[in-house]
Amino acid sequence: MNKIEINLTVNGNRQRANVEPRLLLSDFIRDGLGLKGTHVGCSHGVCGVCTVSMDGKTVRSCLTLAAQADGASIETIEHLGNATELHPIQQAFSEAQGLQCGFCTPGMIAITREFLQHNPTPTREEATEAVSGALCRCTGYEAIVDAILLAAELIANTPIRTEEAADE
C-alpha cells in the first residue's frame, strides 16, 4: 500500500511522517511518536480513553486516521504538565482521587480540559454530563466529578502565564 505524507504539530513539535492511509491516529501517536500517554481501550470510540485534542477539540484517536490529522495541531496528555509542575486539572485529579489505575485518566483529562474551556464554572450535573461518554472501570464517577469541580476552582485561581513570563 502506498504511504502518504502528513505534516502536523504534536505537543508543539512539528512532525512529518509517511504513513499508511489506514493508520489510526492513536497508533501514530503511540507507536510512531512513542507517546504512550494516549491509551487505547475499546478501539471502537466507546470508552474515551484514547481522547486527545485536535485543533482545540477532543477527538477519539482510535476513530481518527492519522491522515485526517494532516495540518492539524494535536495535544496529548504529555503536553499538559510534568512530575514537578502538574497542570491544575492533573493536580485536581490527584487531590480528589479521580483516578485509580490511571488507564482512563488521559482521556478524562482531555475531556475535562475542553469542557472547562467552554464552561469554567460548571455545576455538578454539568460535570457529570461532560464525562458521561467516557468509561472508567475503577473509580466510579463521583471522584472524577469532584476532580472536575476542583479543577475549575484551581484554574480560576491560577494566574495566567504570558509567553514572556513562561520564557523567563
Protein backbone atom coordinates (compact mmCIF):
# COMPACT_ATOMS: atom_id res chain seq x y z
CA MET A 1 0.00 0.00 0.00
CA ASN A 2 1.31 3.45 -0.85
CA LYS A 3 2.18 5.69 2.06
CA ILE A 4 1.10 9.28 2.27
CA GLU A 5 2.98 12.19 3.79
CA ILE A 6 1.42 14.01 6.70
CA ASN A 7 2.58 17.18 8.42
CA LEU A 8 1.20 18.07 11.81
CA THR A 9 2.12 19.58 15.13
CA VAL A 10 2.10 17.30 18.17
CA ASN A 11 2.52 18.91 21.57
CA GLY A 12 4.07 21.96 19.94
CA ASN A 13 6.55 19.98 17.83
CA ARG A 14 6.28 19.85 14.04
CA GLN A 15 6.13 16.31 12.72
CA ARG A 16 6.43 14.95 9.22
CA ALA A 17 5.80 11.29 8.54
CA ASN A 18 4.94 8.88 5.78
CA VAL A 19 2.03 6.76 6.96
CA GLU A 20 -0.25 4.04 5.68
CA PRO A 21 -3.57 5.62 4.67
CA ARG A 22 -5.47 3.49 7.20
CA LEU A 23 -3.13 4.12 10.16
CA LEU A 24 -5.09 5.26 13.20
CA LEU A 25 -4.08 8.46 14.94
CA SER A 26 -3.81 6.54 18.22
CA ASP A 27 -1.28 4.15 16.66
CA PHE A 28 0.66 7.02 15.11
CA ILE A 29 0.84 8.82 18.47
CA ARG A 30 1.78 5.71 20.47
CA ASP A 31 3.95 3.76 18.04
CA GLY A 32 5.11 6.39 15.57
CA LEU A 33 5.91 9.10 18.10
CA GLY A 34 6.42 6.99 21.23
CA LEU A 35 3.91 8.99 23.27
CA LYS A 36 2.42 6.24 25.41
CA GLY A 37 0.12 8.50 27.46
CA THR A 38 -2.60 8.11 24.85
CA HIS A 39 -4.21 4.79 25.72
CA VAL A 40 -6.36 2.54 23.58
CA GLY A 41 -9.21 0.71 25.24
CA CYS A 42 -12.12 -0.48 23.14
CA SER A 43 -10.84 0.54 19.67
CA HIS A 44 -14.44 1.49 18.81
CA GLY A 45 -14.65 5.03 20.20
CA VAL A 46 -16.92 3.98 23.04
CA CYS A 47 -14.68 4.20 26.11
CA GLY A 48 -12.93 7.55 25.53
CA VAL A 49 -9.51 6.56 26.88
CA CYS A 50 -7.87 7.50 23.56
CA THR A 51 -9.24 11.04 23.60
CA VAL A 52 -6.80 13.76 22.52
CA SER A 53 -7.18 17.37 21.44
CA MET A 54 -7.06 18.13 17.72
CA ASP A 55 -7.17 21.82 16.86
CA GLY A 56 -8.66 22.50 20.29
CA LYS A 57 -11.45 19.93 20.11
CA THR A 58 -11.46 16.48 21.61
CA VAL A 59 -11.39 13.53 19.24
CA ARG A 60 -11.28 9.80 19.76
CA SER A 61 -7.89 8.95 18.30
CA CYS A 62 -8.90 5.31 17.75
CA LEU A 63 -11.55 6.52 15.27
CA THR A 64 -9.41 9.17 13.59
CA LEU A 65 -6.97 8.36 10.82
CA ALA A 66 -3.51 9.87 11.08
CA ALA A 67 -4.09 11.24 7.56
CA GLN A 68 -7.09 13.19 8.88
CA ALA A 69 -4.70 15.00 11.23
CA ASP A 70 -2.59 16.34 8.36
CA GLY A 71 -2.12 20.05 9.02
CA ALA A 72 -3.65 19.81 12.50
CA SER A 73 -2.33 20.59 15.95
CA ILE A 74 -2.60 17.63 18.33
CA GLU A 75 -2.18 17.80 22.09
CA THR A 76 -1.81 14.68 24.21
CA ILE A 77 -1.57 14.24 27.97
CA GLU A 78 2.20 14.70 27.69
CA HIS A 79 1.61 18.32 26.68
CA LEU A 80 -0.06 19.39 29.91
CA GLY A 81 2.20 19.10 32.90
CA ASN A 82 5.03 17.03 34.26
CA ALA A 83 6.00 15.38 37.53
CA THR A 84 7.37 18.60 39.01
CA GLU A 85 4.71 21.00 37.68
CA LEU A 86 1.26 19.50 37.29
CA HIS A 87 -1.41 21.20 35.23
CA PRO A 88 -4.32 22.26 37.50
CA ILE A 89 -6.50 19.52 36.02
CA GLN A 90 -3.85 16.88 36.76
CA GLN A 91 -3.45 18.30 40.25
CA ALA A 92 -7.22 18.17 40.81
CA PHE A 93 -7.46 14.55 39.64
CA SER A 94 -4.68 13.66 42.06
CA GLU A 95 -6.05 15.61 45.02
CA ALA A 96 -9.67 14.49 44.53
CA GLN A 97 -8.57 10.91 43.84
CA GLY A 98 -10.28 11.00 40.46
CA LEU A 99 -8.10 8.15 39.28
CA GLN A 100 -7.12 4.71 40.40
CA CYS A 101 -5.42 2.61 37.76
CA GLY A 102 -4.93 5.67 35.54
CA PHE A 103 -5.91 3.95 32.32
CA CYS A 104 -8.83 6.27 31.53
CA THR A 105 -7.21 9.34 33.10
CA PRO A 106 -5.55 10.85 29.99
CA GLY A 107 -8.86 10.74 28.13
CA MET A 108 -10.79 12.08 31.12
CA ILE A 109 -8.31 14.94 31.45
CA ALA A 110 -8.59 15.80 27.75
CA ILE A 111 -12.38 15.82 28.02
CA THR A 112 -12.21 17.91 31.20
CA ARG A 113 -9.86 20.42 29.60
CA GLU A 114 -12.13 21.14 26.66
CA PHE A 115 -15.22 21.13 28.91
CA LEU A 116 -13.74 23.69 31.32
CA GLN A 117 -12.62 25.91 28.44
CA HIS A 118 -16.28 26.21 27.44
CA ASN A 119 -17.76 26.08 30.94
CA PRO A 120 -15.30 27.37 33.57
CA THR A 121 -17.85 27.29 36.41
CA PRO A 122 -19.81 24.05 35.93
CA THR A 123 -22.46 22.60 38.16
CA ARG A 124 -22.08 19.06 39.43
CA GLU A 125 -24.72 17.92 36.93
CA GLU A 126 -22.89 19.59 34.03
CA ALA A 127 -19.59 17.99 35.08
CA THR A 128 -21.29 14.60 35.31
CA GLU A 129 -22.75 15.03 31.84
CA ALA A 130 -19.36 16.10 30.44
CA VAL A 131 -17.76 12.74 31.24
CA SER A 132 -20.82 10.59 30.68
CA GLY A 133 -19.48 9.43 27.33
CA ALA A 134 -16.24 8.09 28.79
CA LEU A 135 -15.82 4.86 30.72
CA CYS A 136 -13.97 4.35 33.98
CA ARG A 137 -13.97 0.85 35.38
CA CYS A 138 -12.21 1.65 38.67
CA THR A 139 -13.30 4.80 40.45
CA GLY A 140 -16.93 5.29 39.71
CA TYR A 141 -17.66 8.80 38.66
CA GLU A 142 -18.10 10.67 41.94
CA ALA A 143 -14.36 11.22 42.43
CA ILE A 144 -13.94 12.17 38.76
CA VAL A 145 -16.73 14.75 39.01
CA ASP A 146 -15.18 16.03 42.25
CA ALA A 147 -11.88 16.38 40.35
CA ILE A 148 -13.54 18.35 37.55
CA LEU A 149 -15.11 20.77 40.02
CA LEU A 150 -11.81 21.13 41.89
CA ALA A 151 -10.01 21.72 38.58
CA ALA A 152 -12.43 24.54 37.79
CA GLU A 153 -11.57 26.14 41.15
CA LEU A 154 -7.83 25.66 40.67
CA ILE A 155 -7.89 27.11 37.16
CA ALA A 156 -9.90 30.10 38.32
CA ASN A 157 -7.23 30.81 40.94
CA THR A 158 -4.24 30.16 38.65
CA PRO A 159 -2.53 33.28 37.29
CA ILE A 160 -2.49 33.32 33.51
CA ARG A 161 1.07 32.98 32.25
CA THR A 162 2.08 35.06 29.28
CA GLU A 163 4.61 33.82 26.74
CA GLU A 164 7.15 36.31 28.13
CA ALA A 165 6.64 35.11 31.71
CA ALA A 166 6.96 31.48 30.61
CA ASP A 167 10.30 32.23 28.92
CA GLU A 168 11.86 33.92 31.97
